[in-house]
């Protein structure tokens, strides 16, 4: 569902749903939520995106797609320092 909202440019609804669900996240979910946060680029998106990134397991950080989405999100937030790490 989150992917469907993002695909239809309903980014706020995607984040609303993401905050309501309680599931174990996979690399695809991280990527989708990072993309939604990057598109919104507001205070709420920054908070959710950075919190999610802080919780992201190391093995997902080694995933090229998930890590690229995280970097893109951080760059859109203007957080170059975090993106470089």
C-alpha atoms as a PDB file:
ATOM      1  CA  UNK A   1       0.000   0.000   0.000  1.00  0.00           C
ATOM      2  CA  UNK A   2       2.801   2.420   0.862  1.00  0.00           C
ATOM      3  CA  UNK A   3       4.362   1.773  -2.547  1.00  0.00           C
ATOM      4  CA  UNK A   4       1.004   2.432  -4.219  1.00  0.00           C
ATOM      5  CA  UNK A   5       0.649   5.779  -2.480  1.00  0.00           C
ATOM      6  CA  UNK A   6       4.186   6.781  -3.463  1.00  0.00           C
ATOM      7  CA  UNK A   7       3.608   5.627  -7.050  1.00  0.00           C
ATOM      8  CA  UNK A   8       0.550   7.871  -7.197  1.00  0.00           C
ATOM      9  CA  UNK A   9       2.405  10.808  -5.642  1.00  0.00           C
ATOM     10  CA  UNK A  10       0.347  10.617  -2.442  1.00  0.00           C
ATOM     11  CA  UNK A  11       3.405  11.037  -0.238  1.00  0.00           C
ATOM     12  CA  UNK A  12       1.629  12.312   2.893  1.00  0.00           C
ATOM     13  CA  UNK A  13      -0.726   9.316   2.824  1.00  0.00           C
ATOM     14  CA  UNK A  14       2.258   7.018   2.343  1.00  0.00           C
ATOM     15  CA  UNK A  15       3.900   8.407   5.480  1.00  0.00           C
ATOM     16  CA  UNK A  16       0.597   8.287   7.392  1.00  0.00           C
ATOM     17  CA  UNK A  17       0.265   4.594   6.600  1.00  0.00           C
ATOM     18  CA  UNK A  18       3.922   3.902   7.303  1.00  0.00           C
ATOM     19  CA  UNK A  19       3.577   5.416  10.775  1.00  0.00           C
ATOM     20  CA  UNK A  20       0.513   3.282  11.494  1.00  0.00           C
ATOM     21  CA  UNK A  21       1.900  -0.109  10.497  1.00  0.00           C
ATOM     22  CA  UNK A  22       4.030  -2.221  12.765  1.00  0.00           C
ATOM     23  CA  UNK A  23       5.962  -4.618  10.567  1.00  0.00           C
ATOM     24  CA  UNK A  24       9.557  -5.657  10.165  1.00  0.00           C
ATOM     25  CA  UNK A  25      10.979  -3.513   7.401  1.00  0.00           C
ATOM     26  CA  UNK A  26      12.818  -4.839   4.386  1.00  0.00           C
ATOM     27  CA  UNK A  27      15.200  -2.991   2.103  1.00  0.00           C
ATOM     28  CA  UNK A  28      12.392  -2.249  -0.353  1.00  0.00           C
ATOM     29  CA  UNK A  29      10.303  -0.581   2.361  1.00  0.00           C
ATOM     30  CA  UNK A  30      13.255   1.574   3.403  1.00  0.00           C
ATOM     31  CA  UNK A  31      13.721   2.637  -0.217  1.00  0.00           C
ATOM     32  CA  UNK A  32      10.041   3.493  -0.687  1.00  0.00           C
ATOM     33  CA  UNK A  33       9.814   5.540   2.511  1.00  0.00           C
ATOM     34  CA  UNK A  34      13.096   7.357   1.788  1.00  0.00           C
ATOM     35  CA  UNK A  35      11.717   8.256  -1.654  1.00  0.00           C
ATOM     36  CA  UNK A  36       8.476   9.572  -0.137  1.00  0.00           C
ATOM     37  CA  UNK A  37      10.438  11.671   2.354  1.00  0.00           C
ATOM     38  CA  UNK A  38      12.660  13.051  -0.407  1.00  0.00           C
ATOM     39  CA  UNK A  39       9.648  14.072  -2.479  1.00  0.00           C
ATOM     40  CA  UNK A  40       7.905  15.787   0.435  1.00  0.00           C
ATOM     41  CA  UNK A  41      11.007  17.442   1.841  1.00  0.00           C
ATOM     42  CA  UNK A  42       9.161  19.003   4.778  1.00  0.00           C
ATOM     43  CA  UNK A  43       9.812  18.910   8.527  1.00  0.00           C
ATOM     44  CA  UNK A  44       7.730  15.781   9.055  1.00  0.00           C
ATOM     45  CA  UNK A  45       9.473  13.962   6.210  1.00  0.00           C
ATOM     46  CA  UNK A  46      12.885  14.974   7.559  1.00  0.00           C
ATOM     47  CA  UNK A  47      12.012  13.670  11.007  1.00  0.00           C
ATOM     48  CA  UNK A  48      10.660  10.349   9.714  1.00  0.00           C
ATOM     49  CA  UNK A  49      13.448   9.860   7.175  1.00  0.00           C
ATOM     50  CA  UNK A  50      16.291  10.579   9.578  1.00  0.00           C
ATOM     51  CA  UNK A  51      14.719   8.443  12.310  1.00  0.00           C
ATOM     52  CA  UNK A  52      14.291   5.572   9.856  1.00  0.00           C
ATOM     53  CA  UNK A  53      17.871   5.956   8.634  1.00  0.00           C
ATOM     54  CA  UNK A  54      19.171   5.823  12.208  1.00  0.00           C
ATOM     55  CA  UNK A  55      17.326   2.513  12.738  1.00  0.00           C
ATOM     56  CA  UNK A  56      18.355   1.010   9.384  1.00  0.00           C
ATOM     57  CA  UNK A  57      20.310  -2.235   9.883  1.00  0.00           C
ATOM     58  CA  UNK A  58      23.885  -2.347   8.596  1.00  0.00           C
ATOM     59  CA  UNK A  59      23.111  -5.052   6.022  1.00  0.00           C
ATOM     60  CA  UNK A  60      20.548  -2.739   4.374  1.00  0.00           C
ATOM     61  CA  UNK A  61      23.082   0.098   4.346  1.00  0.00           C
ATOM     62  CA  UNK A  62      25.166  -2.097   2.040  1.00  0.00           C
ATOM     63  CA  UNK A  63      22.231  -2.392  -0.387  1.00  0.00           C
ATOM     64  CA  UNK A  64      22.984  -0.037  -3.291  1.00  0.00           C
ATOM     65  CA  UNK A  65      19.356   0.885  -3.947  1.00  0.00           C
ATOM     66  CA  UNK A  66      18.391   1.538  -0.312  1.00  0.00           C
ATOM     67  CA  UNK A  67      21.565   3.487   0.415  1.00  0.00           C
ATOM     68  CA  UNK A  68      21.217   5.567  -2.768  1.00  0.00           C
ATOM     69  CA  UNK A  69      17.637   6.423  -1.794  1.00  0.00           C
ATOM     70  CA  UNK A  70      18.829   7.473   1.662  1.00  0.00           C
ATOM     71  CA  UNK A  71      21.578   9.653   0.160  1.00  0.00           C
ATOM     72  CA  UNK A  72      19.105  11.239  -2.270  1.00  0.00           C
ATOM     73  CA  UNK A  73      16.748  11.990   0.618  1.00  0.00           C
ATOM     74  CA  UNK A  74      19.500  13.561   2.714  1.00  0.00           C
ATOM     75  CA  UNK A  75      20.709  15.684  -0.203  1.00  0.00           C
ATOM     76  CA  UNK A  76      17.182  16.970  -0.812  1.00  0.00           C
ATOM     77  CA  UNK A  77      17.069  17.898   2.877  1.00  0.00           C
ATOM     78  CA  UNK A  78      20.319  19.810   2.331  1.00  0.00           C
ATOM     79  CA  UNK A  79      22.144  17.542   4.788  1.00  0.00           C
ATOM     80  CA  UNK A  80      25.314  17.010   2.763  1.00  0.00           C
ATOM     81  CA  UNK A  81      27.377  16.079   5.818  1.00  0.00           C
ATOM     82  CA  UNK A  82      25.109  13.146   6.715  1.00  0.00           C
ATOM     83  CA  UNK A  83      24.878  12.066   3.076  1.00  0.00           C
ATOM     84  CA  UNK A  84      28.677  11.851   2.848  1.00  0.00           C
ATOM     85  CA  UNK A  85      28.771   9.437   5.782  1.00  0.00           C
END
